Amino acid sequence: MEVNDLGRLALGGQMGPEIQQIEGRLLSKSPEQYEVSVKSVKLIRGGNQIWNGERVTVKREYISQTFERQFSKSQTIALSAVFVASVYVVVSKLGLVGFGKEGDTTAPPNSVEAFRPRRP
């Protein structure tokens, strides 16, 4: 939410006099006000104040503009595909699949089996 001059004046005692934007999770809204769990506050002269989800009620007349963040479905799908492909490459290169290979069943020359006496 972008705070206007009236909002800076009204919210100054509660959130600071140089507040420019409020970032957080919208908990509820009515025709008169928003209830927000505040994550951070951006200041006019730069800088951010980190909050811990404190609930703040803000009248709509204090806000000049609102913004909404949403996940991008296409970017999420692309990132998931890259992750799955990279896991597949690592598993196949390291031989972690568990299918094993058929090979020679005789003991290597320096193994314990090679030094045991053989029975006739």
Protein backbone atom coordinates (compact mmCIF):
# COMPACT_ATOMS: atom_id res chain seq x y z
CA MET A 1 0.00 0.00 0.00
CA GLU A 2 1.25 3.44 -0.82
CA VAL A 3 0.51 5.91 1.97
CA ASN A 4 -0.61 9.46 1.13
CA ASP A 5 0.11 12.65 3.12
CA LEU A 6 -3.05 12.30 5.23
CA GLY A 7 -2.02 8.72 6.07
CA ARG A 8 1.50 9.78 7.06
CA LEU A 9 0.04 12.33 9.43
CA ALA A 10 -2.53 9.91 10.89
CA LEU A 11 -0.24 6.87 11.13
CA GLY A 12 2.87 8.81 12.21
CA GLY A 13 2.51 8.01 15.90
CA GLN A 14 1.87 4.32 15.26
CA MET A 15 4.18 3.54 12.33
CA GLY A 16 6.54 6.51 11.98
CA PRO A 17 6.18 9.92 10.33
CA GLU A 18 8.15 9.16 7.14
CA ILE A 19 6.18 6.13 6.00
CA GLN A 20 5.84 5.77 2.24
CA GLN A 21 4.66 2.18 1.75
CA ILE A 22 3.30 -0.62 3.88
CA GLU A 23 4.06 -4.18 2.80
CA GLY A 24 2.31 -7.14 4.34
CA ARG A 25 -0.48 -9.66 4.13
CA LEU A 26 -4.03 -8.41 3.82
CA LEU A 27 -6.07 -9.98 6.62
CA SER A 28 -9.38 -8.29 5.90
CA LYS A 29 -10.88 -5.33 4.12
CA SER A 30 -14.07 -3.38 4.38
CA PRO A 31 -15.37 -0.31 2.55
CA GLU A 32 -13.73 1.87 5.21
CA GLN A 33 -10.44 0.16 6.08
CA TYR A 34 -7.82 -2.56 5.61
CA GLU A 35 -6.43 -4.83 8.28
CA VAL A 36 -2.85 -5.78 7.46
CA SER A 37 -0.23 -8.06 9.00
CA VAL A 38 2.76 -5.77 8.39
CA LYS A 39 5.98 -7.30 7.03
CA SER A 40 7.91 -4.09 6.38
CA VAL A 41 7.56 -0.34 6.03
CA LYS A 42 9.39 1.61 3.33
CA LEU A 43 10.42 5.12 4.33
CA ILE A 44 10.33 8.27 2.18
CA ARG A 45 14.06 8.99 2.53
CA GLY A 46 15.01 5.40 1.78
CA GLY A 47 15.44 2.41 3.99
CA ASN A 48 13.06 -0.19 5.31
CA GLN A 49 11.81 -1.08 8.75
CA ILE A 50 11.21 -4.80 9.22
CA TRP A 51 8.10 -5.72 11.17
CA ASN A 52 7.07 -9.08 12.62
CA GLY A 53 3.52 -9.36 11.34
CA GLU A 54 1.95 -6.86 13.72
CA ARG A 55 -1.69 -6.17 12.88
CA VAL A 56 -2.42 -2.64 11.79
CA THR A 57 -5.73 -1.15 10.73
CA VAL A 58 -5.40 1.43 7.96
CA LYS A 59 -8.27 3.57 6.72
CA ARG A 60 -8.75 3.54 2.96
CA GLU A 61 -8.51 7.33 2.85
CA TYR A 62 -4.86 7.02 4.01
CA ILE A 63 -3.89 4.96 0.96
CA SER A 64 -3.23 6.40 -2.49
CA GLN A 65 -2.55 3.08 -4.24
CA THR A 66 -2.54 -0.64 -3.49
CA PHE A 67 -0.39 -3.37 -5.03
CA GLU A 68 -0.81 -7.13 -5.11
CA ARG A 69 1.85 -9.79 -5.61
CA GLN A 70 0.94 -13.05 -7.28
CA PHE A 71 2.88 -16.15 -8.26
CA SER A 72 3.59 -16.53 -11.95
CA LYS A 73 2.27 -19.92 -13.06
CA SER A 74 4.61 -20.12 -16.05
CA GLN A 75 7.72 -19.27 -14.00
CA THR A 76 6.73 -21.75 -11.30
CA ILE A 77 6.27 -24.53 -13.87
CA ALA A 78 9.60 -23.69 -15.56
CA LEU A 79 11.47 -23.69 -12.24
CA SER A 80 9.88 -27.02 -11.28
CA ALA A 81 10.91 -28.57 -14.59
CA VAL A 82 14.50 -27.40 -14.17
CA PHE A 83 14.58 -28.83 -10.64
CA VAL A 84 13.22 -32.23 -11.73
CA ALA A 85 15.67 -32.41 -14.65
CA SER A 86 18.64 -31.55 -12.43
CA VAL A 87 17.65 -34.21 -9.86
CA TYR A 88 17.36 -36.76 -12.68
CA VAL A 89 20.83 -35.89 -14.00
CA VAL A 90 22.43 -36.14 -10.55
CA VAL A 91 20.74 -39.45 -9.75
CA SER A 92 21.64 -41.00 -13.10
CA LYS A 93 25.28 -39.78 -13.02
CA LEU A 94 25.87 -41.08 -9.50
CA GLY A 95 24.11 -44.38 -10.15
CA LEU A 96 21.65 -43.90 -7.30
CA VAL A 97 18.76 -45.57 -9.10
CA GLY A 98 19.49 -49.04 -7.75
CA PHE A 99 19.21 -51.14 -10.90
CA GLY A 100 22.85 -52.22 -10.70
CA LYS A 101 24.87 -53.93 -13.41
CA GLU A 102 25.51 -57.59 -14.05
CA GLY A 103 29.17 -58.22 -13.84
CA ASP A 104 31.94 -60.64 -12.98
CA THR A 105 31.13 -62.58 -9.78
CA THR A 106 34.71 -63.68 -9.08
CA ALA A 107 36.46 -62.02 -6.16
CA PRO A 108 39.01 -59.29 -6.88
CA PRO A 109 42.66 -60.43 -6.55
CA ASN A 110 43.32 -58.58 -3.25
CA SER A 111 40.10 -59.53 -1.49
CA VAL A 112 39.68 -61.87 1.47
CA GLU A 113 38.07 -64.47 -0.81
CA ALA A 114 41.19 -64.63 -2.98
CA PHE A 115 43.35 -65.69 0.01
CA ARG A 116 41.05 -68.38 1.43
CA PRO A 117 42.15 -71.94 0.77
CA ARG A 118 40.09 -73.65 -1.88
CA ARG A 119 38.42 -76.92 -1.15
CA PRO A 120 38.80 -79.78 -3.57
